[in-house]
Amino acid sequence: MQLYALCDTDTLHKGGVDILSFAARAKSLGASVLQYRNKHSDIATIKTDLIALRHVWEGFLIINDHYELAPFCDGVHIGQEDLYAIDSDPSRAVKILKMAIGEDKLIGLSTHNADEIEIANGLDINYIGLGAFRATSTKSEAKVLGESLDEIAAHSKHPVAAIGGVKLDDTFHHVTYSVVGSGLL
């Protein structure tokens, strides 16, 4: 299983950690993917952060939500709401997204249950995020899947990134990536 580091600026700010220190920690632990998530800054700040991360991060760099910034990273991760905001038809939404970001960019999609995985199986995406595994402070409304996450993950044709309260020592059988954020601090 590979480590997928979630660089959430709200969490880092609360912990007094800057993004470059977080990236260095993720790199030292062998993370292959780093997702940058910033829900509150303006686009210019987010772009500046992505450029700074690109200089120090050698693995895959993913932007959360802001697909207009895809030129500065390797791909985007979007949620269900973001997908349907692009188009009410998920397949068309992914095609529109690919046209906007480029065919060479990775696309990850958040999923929360078997029904969403079934829809994702028909989409031209690169991986899914599945969770939450445990309750977290960043997504209090998320349904906790617990141990059933691994069983649900088995239904995905795409690589699965387990997200939400995942710790470094958690193990799964049907998951490619363990997404760890504050657990790296």
Protein backbone atom coordinates (compact mmCIF):
# COMPACT_ATOMS: atom_id res chain seq x y z
CA MET A 1 0.00 0.00 0.00
CA GLN A 2 1.28 3.45 -0.91
CA LEU A 3 1.15 6.57 1.22
CA TYR A 4 -0.92 9.45 -0.19
CA ALA A 5 -0.30 12.61 1.83
CA LEU A 6 -3.18 15.05 2.32
CA CYS A 7 -1.79 18.56 2.73
CA ASP A 8 -4.82 20.34 4.20
CA THR A 9 -3.95 23.97 4.94
CA ASP A 10 -6.57 24.34 7.70
CA THR A 11 -5.15 21.34 9.57
CA LEU A 12 -1.57 22.48 9.04
CA HIS A 13 -2.35 26.00 10.22
CA LYS A 14 -3.89 24.66 13.45
CA GLY A 15 -0.76 22.58 14.02
CA GLY A 16 1.63 25.43 13.20
CA VAL A 17 3.10 23.52 10.25
CA ASP A 18 3.86 25.07 6.86
CA ILE A 19 3.23 23.25 3.58
CA LEU A 20 6.91 22.77 2.73
CA SER A 21 7.63 21.16 6.11
CA PHE A 22 4.63 18.90 5.60
CA ALA A 23 5.87 17.94 2.13
CA ALA A 24 9.32 17.15 3.55
CA ARG A 25 7.74 14.95 6.23
CA ALA A 26 5.57 13.17 3.64
CA LYS A 27 8.62 12.61 1.44
CA SER A 28 10.64 11.22 4.36
CA LEU A 29 7.84 8.70 5.02
CA GLY A 30 7.82 7.58 1.38
CA ALA A 31 4.60 9.19 0.16
CA SER A 32 4.14 8.89 -3.60
CA VAL A 33 1.23 11.34 -3.89
CA LEU A 34 0.59 14.71 -2.24
CA GLN A 35 -2.83 16.33 -2.48
CA TYR A 36 -2.97 20.05 -1.72
CA ARG A 37 -6.30 21.11 -0.20
CA ASN A 38 -6.95 24.76 0.58
CA LYS A 39 -10.61 25.67 1.06
CA HIS A 40 -10.18 29.29 2.17
CA SER A 41 -7.43 31.10 0.26
CA ASP A 42 -7.75 32.98 -3.00
CA ILE A 43 -6.65 31.40 -6.27
CA ALA A 44 -3.42 33.45 -6.41
CA THR A 45 -2.31 32.12 -3.01
CA ILE A 46 -3.20 28.55 -3.94
CA LYS A 47 -1.26 28.89 -7.21
CA THR A 48 1.78 30.26 -5.33
CA ASP A 49 1.62 27.32 -2.91
CA LEU A 50 1.39 24.80 -5.77
CA ILE A 51 4.43 26.32 -7.46
CA ALA A 52 6.37 26.16 -4.18
CA LEU A 53 5.34 22.53 -3.64
CA ARG A 54 6.27 21.61 -7.21
CA HIS A 55 9.84 22.75 -6.49
CA VAL A 56 10.22 20.36 -3.53
CA TRP A 57 7.80 17.53 -4.32
CA GLU A 58 8.97 14.87 -6.78
CA GLY A 59 5.94 12.59 -6.60
CA PHE A 60 2.45 13.16 -7.97
CA LEU A 61 1.03 16.54 -6.95
CA ILE A 62 -2.77 16.73 -6.92
CA ILE A 63 -4.91 19.84 -6.41
CA ASN A 64 -8.21 19.49 -4.56
CA ASP A 65 -11.19 21.01 -6.39
CA HIS A 66 -9.45 23.89 -8.21
CA TYR A 67 -9.10 22.20 -11.58
CA GLU A 68 -8.30 25.54 -13.23
CA LEU A 69 -4.89 25.18 -11.53
CA ALA A 70 -4.19 21.78 -13.11
CA PRO A 71 -1.31 23.19 -15.22
CA PHE A 72 0.68 23.54 -11.99
CA CYS A 73 0.28 19.92 -10.87
CA ASP A 74 -0.24 16.36 -12.05
CA GLY A 75 -3.97 16.15 -11.58
CA VAL A 76 -7.10 17.05 -9.67
CA HIS A 77 -9.25 15.45 -7.02
CA ILE A 78 -12.92 16.39 -6.98
CA GLY A 79 -15.88 15.54 -4.81
CA GLN A 80 -19.28 14.26 -5.85
CA GLU A 81 -20.78 17.75 -5.66
CA ASP A 82 -17.99 19.15 -7.83
CA LEU A 83 -18.52 16.44 -10.44
CA TYR A 84 -22.25 17.12 -10.72
CA ALA A 85 -21.65 20.89 -10.74
CA ILE A 86 -19.73 20.39 -14.01
CA ASP A 87 -22.57 18.39 -15.59
CA SER A 88 -25.53 16.36 -14.34
CA ASP A 89 -24.26 13.38 -16.35
CA PRO A 90 -21.09 12.04 -14.67
CA SER A 91 -19.57 10.73 -17.92
CA ARG A 92 -20.05 14.09 -19.62
CA ALA A 93 -18.70 15.85 -16.54
CA VAL A 94 -15.47 13.82 -16.70
CA LYS A 95 -15.14 14.50 -20.45
CA ILE A 96 -15.58 18.23 -19.84
CA LEU A 97 -13.07 18.08 -16.99
CA LYS A 98 -10.52 16.25 -19.17
CA MET A 99 -10.94 18.87 -21.89
CA ALA A 100 -10.33 21.60 -19.30
CA ILE A 101 -7.27 20.06 -17.63
CA GLY A 102 -5.74 17.97 -20.41
CA GLU A 103 -5.75 14.26 -21.16
CA ASP A 104 -2.40 13.76 -19.41
CA LYS A 105 -3.67 14.89 -15.99
CA LEU A 106 -4.87 12.49 -13.31
CA ILE A 107 -8.44 12.64 -12.01
CA GLY A 108 -9.49 11.37 -8.60
CA LEU A 109 -13.09 11.28 -7.41
CA SER A 110 -14.42 11.08 -3.85
CA THR A 111 -16.83 8.23 -3.17
CA HIS A 112 -18.66 7.26 -0.02
CA ASN A 113 -20.57 4.05 -0.79
CA ALA A 114 -21.02 1.16 -3.23
CA ASP A 115 -23.52 3.08 -5.37
CA GLU A 116 -21.05 5.91 -6.01
CA ILE A 117 -18.32 3.35 -6.75
CA GLU A 118 -20.58 1.67 -9.31
CA ILE A 119 -21.02 5.01 -11.10
CA ALA A 120 -17.27 5.72 -10.82
CA ASN A 121 -16.52 2.33 -12.42
CA GLY A 122 -18.04 3.66 -15.64
CA LEU A 123 -15.97 6.85 -15.62
CA ASP A 124 -12.63 7.60 -17.27
CA ILE A 125 -10.86 8.53 -14.03
CA ASN A 126 -7.60 7.37 -12.47
CA TYR A 127 -8.56 6.58 -8.88
CA ILE A 128 -11.26 7.01 -6.28
CA GLY A 129 -11.09 8.27 -2.74
CA LEU A 130 -13.30 6.20 -0.42
CA GLY A 131 -14.28 7.18 3.08
CA ALA A 132 -14.47 8.18 5.72
CA PHE A 133 -12.69 5.30 7.45
CA ARG A 134 -12.93 7.05 10.83
CA ALA A 135 -14.52 10.29 12.02
CA THR A 136 -12.42 13.39 11.43
CA SER A 137 -12.55 17.01 12.48
CA THR A 138 -12.28 18.27 8.88
CA LYS A 139 -15.34 16.46 7.51
CA SER A 140 -17.72 16.07 10.44
CA GLU A 141 -20.69 15.32 8.15
CA ALA A 142 -18.98 12.32 6.52
CA LYS A 143 -20.49 8.89 7.10
CA VAL A 144 -17.97 6.63 8.80
CA LEU A 145 -17.47 3.33 6.95
CA GLY A 146 -15.10 1.74 9.46
CA GLU A 147 -13.96 -1.78 8.66
CA SER A 148 -16.55 -2.08 5.86
CA LEU A 149 -14.42 0.34 3.79
CA ASP A 150 -12.14 -2.49 2.66
CA GLU A 151 -15.08 -4.66 1.58
CA ILE A 152 -16.69 -1.76 -0.31
CA ALA A 153 -13.32 -0.95 -1.95
CA ALA A 154 -13.27 -4.41 -3.52
CA HIS A 155 -16.06 -3.28 -5.88
CA SER A 156 -13.94 -0.58 -7.52
CA LYS A 157 -12.24 -1.14 -10.87
CA HIS A 158 -10.06 1.90 -10.11
CA PRO A 159 -7.27 2.10 -7.53
CA VAL A 160 -8.76 3.10 -4.17
CA ALA A 161 -7.43 5.71 -1.77
CA ALA A 162 -8.79 5.16 1.75
CA ILE A 163 -9.48 8.54 3.35
CA GLY A 164 -10.80 9.98 6.57
CA GLY A 165 -9.05 9.29 9.83
CA VAL A 166 -6.58 6.84 8.28
CA LYS A 167 -3.41 6.26 10.30
CA LEU A 168 0.01 5.17 9.10
CA ASP A 169 -0.35 1.70 10.63
CA ASP A 170 -3.81 0.93 9.19
CA THR A 171 -3.87 -1.95 6.73
CA PHE A 172 -6.36 -2.79 3.99
CA HIS A 173 -6.60 -5.58 1.40
CA HIS A 174 -8.40 -3.77 -1.44
CA VAL A 175 -6.87 -0.33 -1.10
CA THR A 176 -3.93 1.05 -3.10
CA TYR A 177 -3.36 4.28 -1.17
CA SER A 178 -3.66 5.21 2.50
CA VAL A 179 -4.53 8.90 2.62
CA VAL A 180 -3.00 10.37 5.75
CA GLY A 181 -3.11 14.04 6.68
CA SER A 182 -2.79 15.09 10.31
CA GLY A 183 -1.41 11.62 11.10
CA LEU A 184 1.85 12.71 9.46
CA LEU A 185 2.34 15.65 11.82
